[in-house]
Protein backbone atom coordinates (compact mmCIF):
# COMPACT_ATOMS: atom_id res chain seq x y z
CA UNK A 1 61.07 124.88 -83.11
CA UNK A 2 59.69 127.28 -81.21
CA UNK A 3 56.80 127.97 -83.92
CA UNK A 4 55.70 124.15 -83.67
CA UNK A 5 56.10 124.39 -79.07
CA UNK A 6 53.76 127.13 -79.61
CA UNK A 7 51.05 126.05 -81.62
CA UNK A 8 50.84 122.85 -79.08
CA UNK A 9 50.90 125.24 -75.96
CA UNK A 10 48.65 127.67 -77.36
CA UNK A 11 45.02 127.21 -77.71
CA UNK A 12 42.68 128.23 -80.23
CA UNK A 13 39.32 129.89 -78.54
CA UNK A 14 37.15 127.74 -80.85
CA UNK A 15 39.03 125.14 -78.96
CA UNK A 16 38.35 126.19 -75.25
CA UNK A 17 34.94 126.03 -76.34
CA UNK A 18 35.36 122.74 -77.53
CA UNK A 19 36.62 120.96 -74.26
CA UNK A 20 33.91 123.45 -72.37
CA UNK A 21 31.32 121.20 -74.27
CA UNK A 22 32.85 118.14 -73.64
CA UNK A 23 32.96 119.05 -70.27
CA UNK A 24 29.52 120.10 -69.56
CA UNK A 25 28.29 116.70 -71.96
CA UNK A 26 30.38 114.35 -69.39
CA UNK A 27 29.15 115.89 -66.57
CA UNK A 28 25.42 115.72 -67.69
CA UNK A 29 25.97 112.53 -68.71
CA UNK A 30 27.32 111.04 -64.95
CA UNK A 31 24.71 112.94 -63.37
CA UNK A 32 21.79 111.35 -66.04
CA UNK A 33 23.35 107.55 -64.91
CA UNK A 34 23.19 108.83 -61.78
CA UNK A 35 19.18 109.65 -61.65
CA UNK A 36 18.58 106.78 -63.43
CA UNK A 37 20.79 104.58 -60.73
CA UNK A 38 18.56 106.24 -57.90
CA UNK A 39 15.50 106.03 -59.85
CA UNK A 40 15.90 102.79 -59.99
CA UNK A 41 16.71 101.71 -56.39
CA UNK A 42 13.47 103.97 -55.42
CA UNK A 43 11.44 102.02 -57.89
CA UNK A 44 12.90 98.82 -56.36
CA UNK A 45 11.92 99.63 -53.10
CA UNK A 46 8.62 100.67 -54.19
CA UNK A 47 7.49 97.80 -55.99
CA UNK A 48 9.26 96.04 -52.97
CA UNK A 49 6.16 97.46 -50.96
CA UNK A 50 3.62 96.98 -53.20
CA UNK A 51 4.54 92.93 -53.19
CA UNK A 52 4.34 92.65 -49.42
CA UNK A 53 1.18 95.23 -48.85
CA UNK A 54 -0.64 92.28 -51.69
CA UNK A 55 1.23 89.54 -49.89
CA UNK A 56 -0.51 91.03 -46.70
CA UNK A 57 -3.89 91.67 -48.27
CA UNK A 58 -4.48 88.54 -49.98
CA UNK A 59 -3.20 86.29 -46.41
CA UNK A 60 -5.98 88.88 -44.71
CA UNK A 61 -8.82 88.71 -47.39
CA UNK A 62 -8.49 85.18 -49.44
CA UNK A 63 -12.54 85.10 -49.79
CA UNK A 64 -12.33 88.90 -51.16
CA UNK A 65 -9.58 87.83 -53.04
CA UNK A 66 -11.46 84.42 -54.49
CA UNK A 67 -14.32 86.58 -55.48
CA UNK A 68 -12.49 89.24 -57.21
CA UNK A 69 -10.57 86.65 -59.20
CA UNK A 70 -13.94 85.12 -60.12
CA UNK A 71 -15.24 88.23 -61.21
CA UNK A 72 -12.10 88.91 -62.98
CA UNK A 73 -12.15 85.88 -64.61
CA UNK A 74 -15.79 85.85 -65.79
CA UNK A 75 -15.68 89.35 -67.42
CA UNK A 76 -12.51 88.31 -69.27
CA UNK A 77 -14.32 85.29 -70.19
CA UNK A 78 -17.43 87.17 -71.43
CA UNK A 79 -15.44 89.98 -73.14
CA UNK A 80 -13.01 87.50 -74.86
CA UNK A 81 -14.63 85.13 -77.98
CA UNK A 82 -14.53 81.60 -78.04
CA UNK A 83 -13.09 80.10 -80.79
CA UNK A 84 -14.70 77.70 -83.05
CA UNK A 85 -11.99 74.97 -81.35
CA UNK A 86 -12.68 75.74 -78.04
CA UNK A 87 -16.34 75.24 -78.50
CA UNK A 88 -15.67 72.25 -80.17
CA UNK A 89 -13.43 71.01 -77.18
CA UNK A 90 -15.54 72.58 -74.40
CA UNK A 91 -18.97 71.74 -75.49
CA UNK A 92 -19.21 68.44 -74.12
CA UNK A 93 -17.22 69.54 -70.91
CA UNK A 94 -19.77 72.40 -70.20
CA UNK A 95 -22.89 69.98 -70.68
CA UNK A 96 -20.94 67.18 -68.09
CA UNK A 97 -20.90 70.23 -65.96
CA UNK A 98 -24.35 71.32 -66.21
CA UNK A 99 -25.90 68.12 -66.29
CA UNK A 100 -23.57 66.88 -62.74
CA UNK A 101 -24.89 70.74 -61.33
CA UNK A 102 -28.25 69.89 -61.74
CA UNK A 103 -28.07 66.61 -60.41
CA UNK A 104 -26.22 67.81 -57.50
CA UNK A 105 -28.94 70.50 -57.06
CA UNK A 106 -31.42 67.73 -57.35
CA UNK A 107 -30.17 65.44 -54.25
CA UNK A 108 -29.76 68.62 -52.15
CA UNK A 109 -33.61 69.88 -53.16
CA UNK A 110 -34.22 65.93 -51.82
CA UNK A 111 -32.05 65.71 -48.93
CA UNK A 112 -33.18 68.95 -47.68
CA UNK A 113 -37.35 67.64 -48.01
CA UNK A 114 -36.40 64.47 -46.24
CA UNK A 115 -34.72 66.53 -43.43
CA UNK A 116 -37.84 68.74 -43.27
CA UNK A 117 -39.97 65.82 -43.53
CA UNK A 118 -37.90 63.89 -41.24
CA UNK A 119 -38.93 66.71 -38.48
CA UNK A 120 -42.20 67.59 -39.38
CA UNK A 121 -41.71 70.28 -41.61
CA UNK A 122 -43.91 69.40 -44.66
CA UNK A 123 -46.21 71.96 -46.00
CA UNK A 124 -49.34 70.26 -44.76
CA UNK A 125 -47.43 70.06 -41.32
CA UNK A 126 -46.25 73.66 -41.51
CA UNK A 127 -49.83 74.53 -42.00
CA UNK A 128 -50.68 72.19 -38.95
CA UNK A 129 -47.85 74.17 -36.86
CA UNK A 130 -49.14 77.54 -38.09
CA UNK A 131 -52.73 76.95 -37.39
CA UNK A 132 -52.10 75.69 -34.18
CA UNK A 133 -49.33 78.64 -33.73
CA UNK A 134 -52.30 81.00 -34.72
CA UNK A 135 -54.87 79.42 -31.92
CA UNK A 136 -52.12 79.13 -29.20
CA UNK A 137 -51.45 83.07 -29.73
CA UNK A 138 -55.42 83.48 -30.03
CA UNK A 139 -56.19 81.99 -26.89
CA UNK A 140 -53.31 83.50 -24.63
CA UNK A 141 -54.68 87.07 -26.22
CA UNK A 142 -57.94 86.34 -24.94
CA UNK A 143 -56.74 84.81 -21.24
CA UNK A 144 -54.83 88.07 -21.29
CA UNK A 145 -58.03 90.25 -21.87
CA UNK A 146 -60.08 88.24 -19.58
CA UNK A 147 -57.21 88.19 -16.67
CA UNK A 148 -56.98 92.23 -17.43
CA UNK A 149 -60.86 92.61 -17.38
CA UNK A 150 -60.91 90.46 -14.21
CA UNK A 151 -58.29 92.53 -12.63
CA UNK A 152 -60.08 95.79 -13.42
CA UNK A 153 -63.43 94.16 -11.45
CA UNK A 154 -61.51 93.73 -8.52
CA UNK A 155 -59.90 97.29 -8.38
CA UNK A 156 -63.37 98.45 -9.12
CA UNK A 157 -65.15 96.44 -6.29
CA UNK A 158 -62.31 97.03 -3.54
CA UNK A 159 -61.90 100.67 -4.48
CA UNK A 160 -65.64 101.36 -3.73
């Protein structure tokens, strides 16, 4: 009986080394779990901060964001090839949109011409106004020159 007790109470050098390796592995595992938890929390905080900053930027610059989104969409649309199905489905829509845009442009052009004509700003009216303006400038320059010459003559008469 004493032999059995001695065997269980005494450990072999290999057994001590095994326990030491197990303790180190357990410690390394716990350390890795703790670091992973800290990293996850830091990442969540950074993500939360980035989301708030993005929201603030969008609120303060909505037109810039819209323009950027449209530009990005145009780039992606230009880079991604269209399928035959897309062509079949979107060709009539594209034609309708194009025709509507041309009609809107023509209507805007006509309305603009009408507004200009109501204000007397036709091609002929603009020429007449430019001619009148140039004649007015020439007359004013002539009058200024005459007034300067007359003032100079008067100064010479009073000095002499």
